[in-house]
Each structure stands twice: as C-alpha cells, then as structure tokens.
C-alpha cells in the first residue's frame, strides 16, 4: 500500500510537480470504446484530462456464432485509427490498450487484432475474465470505502462479480451476460414481450443462484460498475430531480431498479430514447441491462447498490500509479491506497497546489477546538470530525482559480471533483464548509436534500471552528500555534498560545466571534498567552 507519509514526503518538494507524466488507456469494450488520458505525478496526484468515447458495438451479431461481423470490425478499425492519431497529436507515447469480452470470445480474434495492429499501430492486450474482474476490483477498492462485499461490473459483453474480504479479492467470476449479449440473445421484439423477459429472468436466476458464495452477509456492501449500470442510476437521479450531478457514490435501491426495469419494458426503443437522462446509443440495451442488475440484486439479497463511477480503465491506471520500487508494500499486496478518503483529499489538495503548511496548521487549530468543546454542546461526532479535517485541508483550494471569491471556487471544485470515498452527504458538507469558511451565514441551500436531520446546525458548528481557525492564522505566520479552551457555564475562555506578535489574529478573530457564540451558545473571551505561560 502507498502510505500518507510517502505522499507528504513527495509533496514537500515542489519540483515533483514538474515530473508529471501522461498515459492513455484504451478500453475496447463490447459496446463502447473509451480512451482516457490521465496526467499524474507518481504517488502524489492524478487526474483525467481528456476522454473520448465511441459506440463501436463490436459484439453486434455475435450471439450465435461468436464471430465478429465485418461491419463491426470496420467500425472498430476506424475508431482505433482515430484513437492512435489522437495520441500522436497530443504527444502521448505511453498507450495501454485492452480488449474485453467480445474480443476475448471471438473465434476470429487473431485476425482482428492483426488488423488493428496493422492499421493503427495499437497493440491490444486481451484480458481474461478474471483479469477484467481484477481491474474492476482495483477501481472499486481505490475509490470507495469498500471493505467487504461484492463488485458487480456490467459491460456490453460480460458481467463480472468479485467477492472482496478485508479489501482483498477472494473470488471472481465472469459471465457472458453483458447488456448487449442478453439483449441479442433474449429480447428480439420491440417492445420486448412478456415471454422474452420471463425467459431472460429464468436464465439469469439459474446462473446466479448457483453461486453459493454470492449472498449478502452482515457488514457487506455492493458496488456497481459499468456504463449500462450507471445509465440506470442516471435515470433514477433524473426521475428524483437529484441535486448533485455525480454518479460516483450514488446509492441505488433494489426497488428503484425494479421500477425502472418495468417502465423500460413498456416502451419501444424509440420511446426509451426520449427518457430524460437516456443516452440514445444505450436505449436498445437498457432493458436487458436493467434486467441483469435486478436479478443480481435479487439473488444476492442486497437492497442497495453503491454506484462506482470508475472501472476497468481506472483499475489499469491504479496498477501503474501505485506501483512501488521500495519495500513499503509486502509481496503479493494489491496496489491500493491505505486510506481512500485521505488519499482522495490529498490528491485534490495537490492538484490545486494548496498551501500545505497553512492547511495543516488550520487542521491543528480546528480539530484542537473541536476536541475541547464539551460533548454536551456538540451535535457532531467522529464522522463530522473527519469531515472537518477534509474541509480544513481543502478550504483554500479555490485560490488556484482566483483569490477573490475563492471560497465559492473551492466549493465548486469539491462538488465537481466528487471526492471518491466520501458519501454524497459528506461531500455536500465539505463543500458547504469550504463555501462559508471566510464569511456569510452558513446555509444548506440547494444541497439540503442530501443532508440529514440537524445537519444545518452541525454545519454552523463546524463552520464556526473552521472560520475561527482561519482567522487565527490570517497572516499565515503560525503565530497562534495552539488554543486552550475552558468552559464555565455559558462562558468560554479561549487562550491563544502565541509565539510572536498577536495583533493580527486578535484583530481578525474579533470580527468572527459571533458565529462561534451562536453555534455553541457561549459568550467567548479570547486571550493571548505567550509561549511558556
């Protein structure tokens, strides 16, 4: 595993940012082909800087003979040429291309790969079902708080199911049950007939119920990956007018999948294309995909599935990004972050070149105050403490856009980065804390639907601590190196442990005393105490 210490050590040297590298990863899926470009500094930070998607449908017509059709191969060859030209045009030499289910199963695979190599120069590595499952597992375990349970990856040609225990892959299986395959194999009418749907359901149940290890157990969660599965989640978000435009981390219920499956079954392909949120090139396979997801959840007994916005491509990237030449990882350990949430925050910090010493000082001051507030005055607990840590680290990242309104810029960056590993509620709270860390009355605004009961009051309490900490280090010189808080009834005495001239922090905090007093019901007295007293 890559430790936080490794990340921090690298971050201390500003020249590491000049060592950024780029890699292109091409996923030649059964339905769509995707190319992502990732820019990264090894062990430090990474981001996707470009993405290209084409609906190739290489598996079209393969259901009976497992032979790729000439028209499908022509489409694929043309897209491969475009992807190769793209990589050359933007100067990317490190290109990783993989083929999955359709190419893996095709009897004319060899001839196809030779054509792709000849016409585009791209060398394709064909993944086994187990390898495809493994990379899906890497994506899930490195972007969620997933510890034990199942990763379900639904592609166009295949379905991968992984069992994970203590963040390690222990079982994996691949079925030829992708959205394109089940559609071509079972759903021939438009709209599909009740008999066709019943035959598909019976086939799926026969496959899944034979897996005696594929059952929900206490403490387990289910993570879902794949374009068709994300499409189903997107439909549900649009139906519910969901306030956050992020799929990663979205919790989709079994009942929602059931409703969407039934509604899709009533429509023709043309009718499905008109549904808000439907990608037109997925409309014809959306019903088959929904049927697979429904039966997966039914067989395993899960009432909820957490959507993962990452997948095979990101898994391939993590394998390279987290590779180590040192002794920090034991032989045989998978390339995974030791703490996904912290790695996610640090990644965002480094992407926007945060002021590391200032941010870490704000963390110390904020959490020191948090820990000294009497428990009976808190609405917050351990979960909120971690949220406050993240917001303290990220509070100034908006400066990378512009100092003016940097609190607003930072809030936008947090919401749109997604912060893998955090729930949507937690992301909303972190973004709101960043938004109000400087000024203004904290309000949940349009994100209220994502929050829990009394989160509005928790927001004010956390914001009061973060704002005071920010003011105590207003001059960025660390004059206030810690605080001591003593509470007597409704009076709070805050002693500032100072190592220099305290004029600036005293002046700055005076303007924000009120938010602290309102949040906790104290009358606040602020007193500087020179070091050693």
Protein backbone atom coordinates (compact mmCIF):
# COMPACT_ATOMS: atom_id res chain seq x y z
CA UNK A 1 0.00 0.00 0.00
CA UNK A 2 1.06 3.60 -0.59
CA UNK A 3 1.16 5.43 2.73
CA UNK A 4 0.23 9.01 3.53
CA UNK A 5 3.79 9.54 4.70
CA UNK A 6 5.03 8.78 1.19
CA UNK A 7 2.55 11.27 -0.25
CA UNK A 8 3.54 14.00 2.20
CA UNK A 9 7.27 13.42 1.70
CA UNK A 10 6.92 13.87 -2.04
CA UNK A 11 4.76 16.95 -1.58
CA UNK A 12 7.49 18.74 0.38
CA UNK A 13 9.49 19.07 -2.81
CA UNK A 14 7.81 21.50 -5.19
CA UNK A 15 9.83 20.24 -8.15
CA UNK A 16 7.89 16.98 -8.13
CA UNK A 17 5.12 18.76 -9.99
CA UNK A 18 7.48 19.08 -12.95
CA UNK A 19 7.74 15.29 -13.10
CA UNK A 20 4.18 14.84 -14.33
CA UNK A 21 3.54 12.06 -16.82
CA UNK A 22 0.68 11.19 -19.13
CA UNK A 23 -0.79 7.86 -20.07
CA UNK A 24 -3.57 6.92 -22.48
CA UNK A 25 -5.70 3.91 -21.61
CA UNK A 26 -7.99 2.44 -24.25
CA UNK A 27 -10.81 0.13 -23.19
CA UNK A 28 -12.09 -1.79 -26.21
CA UNK A 29 -15.39 -2.88 -24.74
CA UNK A 30 -18.14 -4.94 -26.30
CA UNK A 31 -20.45 -1.94 -26.62
CA UNK A 32 -18.36 1.22 -26.43
CA UNK A 33 -14.67 2.01 -26.74
CA UNK A 34 -13.24 4.62 -24.43
CA UNK A 35 -9.91 6.38 -24.33
CA UNK A 36 -8.89 8.28 -21.22
CA UNK A 37 -5.81 10.43 -20.76
CA UNK A 38 -4.52 10.62 -17.20
CA UNK A 39 -1.91 13.10 -16.07
CA UNK A 40 -0.08 12.18 -12.87
CA UNK A 41 2.90 12.59 -10.61
CA UNK A 42 3.74 9.10 -9.32
CA UNK A 43 2.43 8.54 -5.77
CA UNK A 44 1.33 12.17 -5.46
CA UNK A 45 -1.57 13.32 -7.63
CA UNK A 46 -3.53 12.41 -10.73
CA UNK A 47 -6.47 13.49 -12.83
CA UNK A 48 -8.20 12.54 -16.06
CA UNK A 49 -7.51 15.36 -18.50
CA UNK A 50 -9.32 14.01 -21.55
CA UNK A 51 -11.77 11.29 -22.53
CA UNK A 52 -13.09 10.07 -25.87
CA UNK A 53 -15.98 7.64 -26.26
CA UNK A 54 -17.34 5.90 -29.34
CA UNK A 55 -20.16 3.39 -29.58
CA UNK A 56 -18.44 0.67 -31.61
CA UNK A 57 -20.76 -2.23 -30.73
CA UNK A 58 -18.06 -4.74 -31.65
CA UNK A 59 -20.20 -7.55 -30.25
CA UNK A 60 -23.10 -6.84 -32.60
CA UNK A 61 -24.35 -10.08 -34.13
CA UNK A 62 -22.01 -12.34 -32.14
CA UNK A 63 -24.70 -14.07 -30.09
CA UNK A 64 -24.96 -17.19 -32.25
CA UNK A 65 -21.51 -17.91 -33.71
CA UNK A 66 -19.09 -15.84 -31.57
CA UNK A 67 -17.66 -14.27 -34.69
CA UNK A 68 -17.14 -10.53 -35.07
CA UNK A 69 -19.05 -9.26 -38.08
CA UNK A 70 -17.25 -7.41 -40.91
CA UNK A 71 -19.22 -4.18 -40.32
CA UNK A 72 -18.35 -4.22 -36.61
CA UNK A 73 -14.68 -4.82 -37.36
CA UNK A 74 -14.69 -1.97 -39.87
CA UNK A 75 -16.11 0.38 -37.23
CA UNK A 76 -13.54 -0.82 -34.72
CA UNK A 77 -10.60 -0.39 -37.10
CA UNK A 78 -11.69 3.15 -37.92
CA UNK A 79 -12.02 4.10 -34.23
CA UNK A 80 -8.62 2.53 -33.48
CA UNK A 81 -7.08 4.69 -36.21
CA UNK A 82 -8.70 7.80 -34.73
CA UNK A 83 -7.51 6.94 -31.22
CA UNK A 84 -3.97 6.34 -32.48
CA UNK A 85 -3.99 9.66 -34.33
CA UNK A 86 -5.30 11.39 -31.23
CA UNK A 87 -2.49 10.01 -29.06
CA UNK A 88 0.11 11.03 -31.62
CA UNK A 89 -1.36 14.52 -31.99
CA UNK A 90 -1.26 15.23 -28.26
CA UNK A 91 2.17 13.64 -27.83
CA UNK A 92 1.32 10.61 -25.71
CA UNK A 93 3.69 7.71 -26.19
CA UNK A 94 2.56 5.56 -23.26
CA UNK A 95 -0.58 3.87 -24.61
CA UNK A 96 -2.23 0.89 -22.95
CA UNK A 97 -5.00 -0.84 -24.90
CA UNK A 98 -7.06 -3.78 -23.69
CA UNK A 99 -9.82 -5.87 -25.21
CA UNK A 100 -12.58 -7.44 -23.15
CA UNK A 101 -15.46 -9.86 -23.53
CA UNK A 102 -16.36 -9.66 -27.22
CA UNK A 103 -12.77 -9.72 -28.43
CA UNK A 104 -11.87 -12.36 -25.84
CA UNK A 105 -14.59 -14.74 -27.02
CA UNK A 106 -14.44 -14.10 -30.76
CA UNK A 107 -13.26 -17.01 -32.88
CA UNK A 108 -11.75 -14.55 -35.36
CA UNK A 109 -9.86 -12.69 -32.62
CA UNK A 110 -6.39 -13.25 -34.07
CA UNK A 111 -7.28 -11.82 -37.47
CA UNK A 112 -8.99 -8.85 -35.86
CA UNK A 113 -6.02 -7.99 -33.59
CA UNK A 114 -3.62 -8.24 -36.51
CA UNK A 115 -5.78 -5.79 -38.45
CA UNK A 116 -5.89 -3.33 -35.55
CA UNK A 117 -2.10 -3.55 -35.20
CA UNK A 118 -1.56 -3.14 -38.93
CA UNK A 119 -3.95 -0.23 -39.48
CA UNK A 120 -3.48 1.75 -36.27
CA UNK A 121 -0.24 0.58 -34.72
CA UNK A 122 -2.05 -0.18 -31.46
CA UNK A 123 -1.09 -3.40 -29.75
CA UNK A 124 -4.06 -4.82 -27.85
CA UNK A 125 -3.80 -6.98 -24.74
CA UNK A 126 -6.83 -9.23 -24.47
CA UNK A 127 -7.91 -9.63 -20.86
CA UNK A 128 -9.22 -12.87 -19.42
CA UNK A 129 -12.48 -12.73 -17.49
CA UNK A 130 -10.53 -12.96 -14.23
CA UNK A 131 -8.23 -10.09 -15.25
CA UNK A 132 -11.17 -7.94 -16.24
CA UNK A 133 -12.74 -8.61 -12.84
CA UNK A 134 -9.46 -7.80 -11.08
CA UNK A 135 -9.16 -4.35 -12.65
CA UNK A 136 -12.78 -3.60 -11.78
CA UNK A 137 -11.97 -4.60 -8.21
CA UNK A 138 -8.95 -2.24 -8.15
CA UNK A 139 -11.16 0.63 -9.30
CA UNK A 140 -13.76 -0.05 -6.61
CA UNK A 141 -11.40 -0.58 -3.70
CA UNK A 142 -9.36 2.55 -4.56
CA UNK A 143 -12.33 4.89 -4.95
CA UNK A 144 -14.79 3.83 -2.23
CA UNK A 145 -14.74 2.88 1.45
CA UNK A 146 -15.44 -0.63 0.28
CA UNK A 147 -14.10 -3.20 2.74
CA UNK A 148 -16.11 -6.39 2.26
CA UNK A 149 -18.82 -7.38 -0.17
CA UNK A 150 -19.17 -7.61 -3.93
CA UNK A 151 -18.14 -5.65 -7.01
CA UNK A 152 -20.56 -6.09 -9.90
CA UNK A 153 -19.23 -4.86 -13.26
CA UNK A 154 -21.76 -4.93 -16.09
CA UNK A 155 -20.36 -4.37 -19.56
CA UNK A 156 -21.75 -4.87 -23.01
CA UNK A 157 -20.49 -8.42 -23.41
CA UNK A 158 -19.91 -9.75 -19.91
CA UNK A 159 -20.74 -9.45 -16.24
CA UNK A 160 -18.01 -9.73 -13.61
CA UNK A 161 -18.77 -10.49 -9.96
CA UNK A 162 -16.00 -10.17 -7.36
CA UNK A 163 -16.16 -11.12 -3.72
CA UNK A 164 -13.98 -8.90 -1.54
CA UNK A 165 -12.98 -9.51 2.07
CA UNK A 166 -10.86 -7.05 4.07
CA UNK A 167 -10.21 -5.11 0.83
CA UNK A 168 -8.73 -8.18 -0.87
CA UNK A 169 -10.16 -10.01 -3.86
CA UNK A 170 -11.01 -13.57 -2.81
CA UNK A 171 -13.39 -14.82 -5.55
CA UNK A 172 -14.17 -13.68 -9.08
CA UNK A 173 -16.26 -14.95 -11.93
CA UNK A 174 -17.14 -13.68 -15.39
CA UNK A 175 -20.42 -14.44 -17.16
CA UNK A 176 -21.27 -13.80 -20.84
CA UNK A 177 -24.25 -11.77 -19.61
CA UNK A 178 -23.44 -8.24 -20.76
CA UNK A 179 -26.21 -5.85 -21.76
CA UNK A 180 -25.62 -6.32 -25.50
CA UNK A 181 -25.44 -10.12 -25.28
CA UNK A 182 -28.58 -10.62 -23.24
CA UNK A 183 -30.46 -8.20 -25.47
CA UNK A 184 -29.43 -10.02 -28.64
CA UNK A 185 -29.92 -13.42 -27.05
CA UNK A 186 -33.35 -12.91 -25.48
CA UNK A 187 -35.08 -9.61 -26.32
CA UNK A 188 -35.92 -9.79 -30.01
CA UNK A 189 -39.21 -7.85 -30.08
CA UNK A 190 -39.80 -4.12 -29.83
CA UNK A 191 -41.15 -3.69 -27.26
CA UNK A 192 -39.99 -6.91 -25.63
CA UNK A 193 -42.70 -9.47 -24.95
CA UNK A 194 -43.54 -10.78 -21.51
CA UNK A 195 -42.36 -14.24 -22.60
CA UNK A 196 -38.96 -12.91 -23.69
CA UNK A 197 -38.49 -11.13 -20.39
CA UNK A 198 -39.51 -14.22 -18.47
CA UNK A 199 -37.04 -16.38 -20.39
CA UNK A 200 -34.26 -13.89 -19.68
CA UNK A 201 -35.13 -13.73 -15.97
CA UNK A 202 -35.20 -17.51 -15.70
CA UNK A 203 -31.81 -17.81 -17.37
CA UNK A 204 -30.27 -15.16 -15.13
CA UNK A 205 -31.68 -16.72 -11.96
CA UNK A 206 -30.31 -20.10 -12.93
CA UNK A 207 -26.84 -18.58 -13.32
CA UNK A 208 -26.78 -16.50 -10.14
CA UNK A 209 -28.45 -18.91 -7.75
CA UNK A 210 -25.72 -21.46 -8.46
CA UNK A 211 -23.20 -19.15 -6.78
CA UNK A 212 -23.42 -20.17 -3.14
CA UNK A 213 -20.80 -17.53 -2.22
CA UNK A 214 -22.81 -14.69 -3.77
CA UNK A 215 -25.02 -13.80 -0.79
CA UNK A 216 -25.27 -10.73 1.40
CA UNK A 217 -23.72 -11.05 4.84
CA UNK A 218 -23.63 -8.54 7.74
CA UNK A 219 -21.28 -5.63 7.09
CA UNK A 220 -21.14 -6.17 3.34
CA UNK A 221 -21.84 -3.65 0.61
CA UNK A 222 -22.37 -3.99 -3.11
CA UNK A 223 -20.55 -1.73 -5.56
CA UNK A 224 -21.74 -1.44 -9.14
CA UNK A 225 -19.65 -0.51 -12.19
CA UNK A 226 -20.15 -0.28 -15.93
CA UNK A 227 -21.76 2.10 -18.41
CA UNK A 228 -25.14 0.40 -18.61
CA UNK A 229 -25.39 0.15 -14.83
CA UNK A 230 -24.52 3.83 -14.47
CA UNK A 231 -27.15 4.59 -17.10
CA UNK A 232 -29.82 3.03 -14.89
CA UNK A 233 -28.61 5.09 -11.94
CA UNK A 234 -28.69 8.25 -14.06
CA UNK A 235 -32.31 7.58 -15.00
CA UNK A 236 -33.20 7.32 -11.32
CA UNK A 237 -31.37 10.54 -10.49
CA UNK A 238 -33.28 12.39 -13.21
CA UNK A 239 -36.61 10.95 -12.02
CA UNK A 240 -35.88 12.12 -8.48
CA UNK A 241 -34.51 15.54 -9.55
CA UNK A 242 -31.37 14.68 -7.60
CA UNK A 243 -29.46 17.83 -6.57
CA UNK A 244 -25.92 16.55 -7.20
CA UNK A 245 -24.68 15.80 -10.71
CA UNK A 246 -22.39 12.98 -9.58
CA UNK A 247 -22.94 9.26 -10.14
CA UNK A 248 -19.96 8.03 -8.15
CA UNK A 249 -21.18 7.24 -4.66
CA UNK A 250 -24.86 7.40 -5.57
CA UNK A 251 -26.92 4.81 -3.69
CA UNK A 252 -29.39 2.99 -5.94
CA UNK A 253 -32.07 0.83 -4.35
CA UNK A 254 -33.43 -2.51 -5.48
CA UNK A 255 -36.92 -1.02 -5.61
CA UNK A 256 -35.73 1.74 -7.95
CA UNK A 257 -34.12 -0.80 -10.28
CA UNK A 258 -37.35 -2.79 -10.29
CA UNK A 259 -39.40 0.28 -11.19
CA UNK A 260 -37.06 1.34 -13.99
CA UNK A 261 -36.93 -2.19 -15.42
CA UNK A 262 -40.73 -2.35 -15.53
CA UNK A 263 -41.04 1.06 -17.15
CA UNK A 264 -38.43 0.28 -19.80
CA UNK A 265 -40.25 -2.95 -20.60
CA UNK A 266 -43.36 -0.99 -21.57
CA UNK A 267 -41.53 1.13 -24.14
CA UNK A 268 -40.15 0.66 -27.60
CA UNK A 269 -36.50 1.53 -28.23
CA UNK A 270 -37.69 4.79 -29.73
CA UNK A 271 -39.70 5.53 -26.61
CA UNK A 272 -36.73 4.81 -24.36
CA UNK A 273 -34.60 7.30 -26.28
CA UNK A 274 -36.98 10.05 -25.19
CA UNK A 275 -36.50 9.38 -21.48
CA UNK A 276 -34.69 12.22 -19.73
CA UNK A 277 -31.14 11.11 -18.98
CA UNK A 278 -31.05 8.24 -21.50
CA UNK A 279 -28.04 8.00 -23.82
CA UNK A 280 -29.50 7.23 -27.22
CA UNK A 281 -26.87 4.59 -28.04
CA UNK A 282 -27.78 2.70 -24.85
CA UNK A 283 -31.55 2.80 -25.28
CA UNK A 284 -31.76 -0.55 -27.08
CA UNK A 285 -29.71 -2.40 -24.44
CA UNK A 286 -31.02 -0.57 -21.37
CA UNK A 287 -33.83 -3.04 -20.66
CA UNK A 288 -31.51 -6.04 -20.86
CA UNK A 289 -29.04 -4.26 -18.57
CA UNK A 290 -31.77 -3.37 -16.07
CA UNK A 291 -32.92 -7.00 -16.03
CA UNK A 292 -29.40 -8.18 -15.21
CA UNK A 293 -28.98 -5.65 -12.39
CA UNK A 294 -32.39 -6.54 -10.97
CA UNK A 295 -31.60 -10.27 -10.89
CA UNK A 296 -28.11 -9.66 -9.45
CA UNK A 297 -29.59 -7.77 -6.51
CA UNK A 298 -32.42 -10.24 -6.09
CA UNK A 299 -30.11 -13.27 -5.99
CA UNK A 300 -27.64 -11.69 -3.58
CA UNK A 301 -30.21 -10.16 -1.26
CA UNK A 302 -28.91 -6.58 -1.40
CA UNK A 303 -31.43 -3.76 -1.07
CA UNK A 304 -28.90 -1.13 -2.13
CA UNK A 305 -26.01 -0.78 -4.53
CA UNK A 306 -23.38 1.97 -4.41
CA UNK A 307 -22.51 3.23 -7.88
CA UNK A 308 -18.83 3.45 -8.78
CA UNK A 309 -18.01 5.98 -11.48
CA UNK A 310 -14.74 4.22 -12.16
CA UNK A 311 -13.99 0.86 -13.69
CA UNK A 312 -11.56 -1.13 -15.82
CA UNK A 313 -9.70 1.91 -17.16
CA UNK A 314 -9.10 3.37 -13.72
CA UNK A 315 -8.08 -0.06 -12.42
CA UNK A 316 -5.40 -0.25 -15.09
CA UNK A 317 -4.26 3.23 -14.13
CA UNK A 318 -4.08 2.49 -10.40
CA UNK A 319 -1.89 -0.54 -11.11
CA UNK A 320 0.67 1.81 -12.61
CA UNK A 321 0.18 4.86 -10.40
CA UNK A 322 0.56 2.90 -7.18
CA UNK A 323 3.43 0.71 -8.36
CA UNK A 324 6.36 0.90 -5.97
CA UNK A 325 10.02 0.02 -6.24
CA UNK A 326 10.55 0.21 -2.49
CA UNK A 327 9.76 -2.02 0.44
CA UNK A 328 6.58 -0.26 1.55
CA UNK A 329 4.30 -2.96 0.18
CA UNK A 330 4.56 -6.62 1.03
CA UNK A 331 4.94 -9.09 -1.78
CA UNK A 332 1.56 -10.02 -3.16
CA UNK A 333 -0.29 -6.98 -1.84
CA UNK A 334 -2.62 -5.39 -4.41
CA UNK A 335 -1.90 -1.78 -5.46
CA UNK A 336 -4.38 0.02 -3.19
CA UNK A 337 -4.41 3.19 -1.11
CA UNK A 338 -4.06 2.58 2.59
CA UNK A 339 -6.78 5.16 3.29
CA UNK A 340 -9.00 6.08 0.34
CA UNK A 341 -10.68 9.13 1.88
CA UNK A 342 -7.44 10.77 2.97
CA UNK A 343 -5.75 9.94 -0.33
CA UNK A 344 -8.73 11.48 -2.14
CA UNK A 345 -8.44 14.74 -0.18
CA UNK A 346 -4.66 14.92 -0.58
CA UNK A 347 -4.97 14.29 -4.31
CA UNK A 348 -7.32 17.25 -4.66
CA UNK A 349 -5.07 19.38 -2.47
CA UNK A 350 -2.03 18.68 -4.66
CA UNK A 351 -3.93 19.12 -7.92
CA UNK A 352 -4.73 22.69 -6.91
CA UNK A 353 -1.32 23.37 -5.34
CA UNK A 354 -2.61 24.06 -1.83
CA UNK A 355 -0.59 25.96 0.77
CA UNK A 356 0.39 22.85 2.68
CA UNK A 357 1.80 24.36 5.87
CA UNK A 358 -1.13 26.73 6.25
CA UNK A 359 -3.68 23.98 5.59
CA UNK A 360 -2.12 21.62 8.10
CA UNK A 361 -1.94 24.42 10.67
CA UNK A 362 -5.65 25.13 10.16
CA UNK A 363 -6.32 21.42 10.69
CA UNK A 364 -4.46 21.51 14.01
CA UNK A 365 -6.29 24.58 15.27
CA UNK A 366 -9.72 23.46 14.07
CA UNK A 367 -9.52 19.96 15.48
CA UNK A 368 -7.99 21.23 18.71
CA UNK A 369 -11.05 23.40 19.26
CA UNK A 370 -13.36 20.59 18.16
CA UNK A 371 -11.86 18.22 20.73
CA UNK A 372 -12.11 20.74 23.54
CA UNK A 373 -15.78 21.65 23.07
CA UNK A 374 -17.78 19.77 25.75
CA UNK A 375 -19.64 16.79 24.30
CA UNK A 376 -22.99 18.08 25.56
CA UNK A 377 -22.59 21.21 23.39
CA UNK A 378 -21.79 19.23 20.23
CA UNK A 379 -24.13 17.86 17.62
CA UNK A 380 -21.04 16.42 15.98
CA UNK A 381 -19.13 13.17 16.43
CA UNK A 382 -16.29 11.19 14.90
CA UNK A 383 -17.77 11.31 11.39
CA UNK A 384 -18.10 15.08 11.47
CA UNK A 385 -14.57 15.38 12.82
CA UNK A 386 -13.28 13.65 9.70
CA UNK A 387 -15.44 15.90 7.52
CA UNK A 388 -13.97 18.91 9.31
CA UNK A 389 -10.45 17.59 8.67
CA UNK A 390 -11.17 17.33 4.95
CA UNK A 391 -12.70 20.81 4.75
CA UNK A 392 -9.76 22.28 6.68
CA UNK A 393 -7.30 20.74 4.24
CA UNK A 394 -9.30 21.91 1.21
CA UNK A 395 -10.57 25.28 2.39
CA UNK A 396 -8.26 27.39 0.22
CA UNK A 397 -8.00 25.33 -2.98
CA UNK A 398 -10.20 27.88 -4.76
CA UNK A 399 -7.25 30.31 -4.68
CA UNK A 400 -5.89 28.34 -7.65
CA UNK A 401 -8.73 29.86 -9.67
CA UNK A 402 -8.66 33.34 -8.16
CA UNK A 403 -8.29 34.82 -4.68
CA UNK A 404 -11.49 36.82 -4.96
CA UNK A 405 -14.44 34.53 -4.15
CA UNK A 406 -12.03 31.65 -3.66
CA UNK A 407 -14.46 30.18 -1.12
CA UNK A 408 -17.01 29.81 -3.92
CA UNK A 409 -14.46 28.46 -6.38
CA UNK A 410 -13.28 25.93 -3.79
CA UNK A 411 -16.81 24.75 -3.06
CA UNK A 412 -17.40 24.19 -6.78
CA UNK A 413 -14.16 22.22 -7.10
CA UNK A 414 -15.11 19.96 -4.17
CA UNK A 415 -18.57 19.24 -5.58
CA UNK A 416 -17.31 18.53 -9.07
CA UNK A 417 -14.23 16.55 -8.06
CA UNK A 418 -16.51 14.11 -6.27
CA UNK A 419 -14.01 13.17 -3.53
CA UNK A 420 -14.07 9.39 -4.00
CA UNK A 421 -14.54 7.60 -0.70
CA UNK A 422 -16.97 10.15 0.74
CA UNK A 423 -20.75 9.84 0.65
CA UNK A 424 -22.78 12.48 -1.13
CA UNK A 425 -23.88 13.86 2.26
CA UNK A 426 -20.27 14.21 3.33
CA UNK A 427 -19.26 15.83 0.04
CA UNK A 428 -22.10 18.32 0.43
CA UNK A 429 -20.99 19.23 3.97
CA UNK A 430 -17.34 19.58 2.95
CA UNK A 431 -18.30 21.81 0.02
CA UNK A 432 -20.51 23.96 2.25
CA UNK A 433 -17.76 24.32 4.85
CA UNK A 434 -15.35 25.46 2.14
CA UNK A 435 -18.04 27.82 0.84
CA UNK A 436 -18.54 29.50 4.22
CA UNK A 437 -15.08 29.31 5.75
CA UNK A 438 -14.49 33.04 5.17
CA UNK A 439 -17.79 34.82 5.60
CA UNK A 440 -21.55 34.64 5.26
CA UNK A 441 -24.25 32.83 7.18
CA UNK A 442 -23.86 29.07 6.62
CA UNK A 443 -26.90 27.59 4.91
CA UNK A 444 -27.54 24.23 3.29
CA UNK A 445 -29.08 25.90 0.23
CA UNK A 446 -29.85 23.58 -2.69
CA UNK A 447 -27.93 20.69 -1.11
CA UNK A 448 -30.41 20.30 1.72
CA UNK A 449 -31.93 17.15 0.19
CA UNK A 450 -28.60 15.32 0.61
CA UNK A 451 -28.32 16.09 4.30
CA UNK A 452 -29.62 14.50 7.47
CA UNK A 453 -31.78 15.90 10.23
CA UNK A 454 -30.00 18.71 12.15
CA UNK A 455 -27.13 18.86 9.65
CA UNK A 456 -27.91 22.56 9.26
CA UNK A 457 -26.90 23.05 12.90
CA UNK A 458 -23.88 20.74 12.56
CA UNK A 459 -22.79 22.82 9.58
CA UNK A 460 -22.87 26.02 11.63
CA UNK A 461 -20.86 24.44 14.47
CA UNK A 462 -18.18 23.04 12.17
CA UNK A 463 -18.07 26.25 10.18
CA UNK A 464 -17.59 28.30 13.36
CA UNK A 465 -14.48 26.30 14.25
CA UNK A 466 -13.02 26.39 10.74
CA UNK A 467 -13.66 30.11 10.38
CA UNK A 468 -12.05 30.97 13.71
CA UNK A 469 -9.04 28.80 12.88
CA UNK A 470 -8.69 30.58 9.54
CA UNK A 471 -8.74 33.96 11.26
CA UNK A 472 -6.22 32.85 13.89
CA UNK A 473 -3.76 32.17 11.04
CA UNK A 474 -4.89 35.15 8.97
CA UNK A 475 -1.31 36.28 8.37
CA UNK A 476 -0.09 32.76 7.53
CA UNK A 477 2.79 33.03 10.02
CA UNK A 478 1.72 30.47 12.61
CA UNK A 479 1.87 32.98 15.47
CA UNK A 480 -1.01 31.13 17.16
CA UNK A 481 0.36 27.63 17.43
CA UNK A 482 -2.49 26.20 19.55
CA UNK A 483 -5.55 27.11 21.60
CA UNK A 484 -6.76 26.20 25.08
CA UNK A 485 -10.48 26.29 25.66
CA UNK A 486 -12.04 26.43 29.12
CA UNK A 487 -15.83 26.35 29.51
CA UNK A 488 -17.68 27.53 32.59
CA UNK A 489 -21.44 27.53 32.16
CA UNK A 490 -22.20 29.70 29.16
CA UNK A 491 -18.81 31.39 29.21
CA UNK A 492 -15.88 30.13 27.14
CA UNK A 493 -12.35 31.38 27.58
CA UNK A 494 -10.12 30.75 24.59
CA UNK A 495 -6.44 31.14 25.28
CA UNK A 496 -4.27 31.64 22.21
CA UNK A 497 -0.82 30.15 22.67
CA UNK A 498 1.31 32.62 20.74
CA UNK A 499 4.97 32.80 19.74
CA UNK A 500 5.08 36.35 18.42
CA UNK A 501 3.01 39.45 17.80
CA UNK A 502 -0.64 38.52 18.35
CA UNK A 503 -2.18 41.73 16.95
CA UNK A 504 -3.29 40.33 13.59
CA UNK A 505 -5.02 37.15 14.91
CA UNK A 506 -6.75 39.12 17.70
CA UNK A 507 -7.96 41.70 15.20
CA UNK A 508 -9.11 39.05 12.72
CA UNK A 509 -10.91 36.78 15.17
CA UNK A 510 -12.80 39.70 16.72
CA UNK A 511 -14.81 40.07 13.52
CA UNK A 512 -15.96 36.42 13.66
CA UNK A 513 -16.63 35.89 17.35
CA UNK A 514 -20.38 35.96 16.77
CA UNK A 515 -20.61 32.75 14.69
CA UNK A 516 -18.88 30.79 17.46
CA UNK A 517 -21.16 32.20 20.14
CA UNK A 518 -24.29 31.45 18.10
CA UNK A 519 -23.15 27.94 17.19
CA UNK A 520 -22.41 26.79 20.73
CA UNK A 521 -24.30 29.19 22.97
CA UNK A 522 -21.17 30.58 24.63
CA UNK A 523 -20.04 34.06 25.42
CA UNK A 524 -16.49 33.96 24.08
CA UNK A 525 -13.46 35.59 25.64
CA UNK A 526 -10.23 35.47 23.63
CA UNK A 527 -6.96 35.93 25.49
CA UNK A 528 -3.40 35.69 24.12
CA UNK A 529 -0.94 33.71 26.21
CA UNK A 530 2.77 33.97 25.37
CA UNK A 531 4.56 30.65 24.95
CA UNK A 532 5.69 29.15 28.24
CA UNK A 533 2.95 30.70 30.38
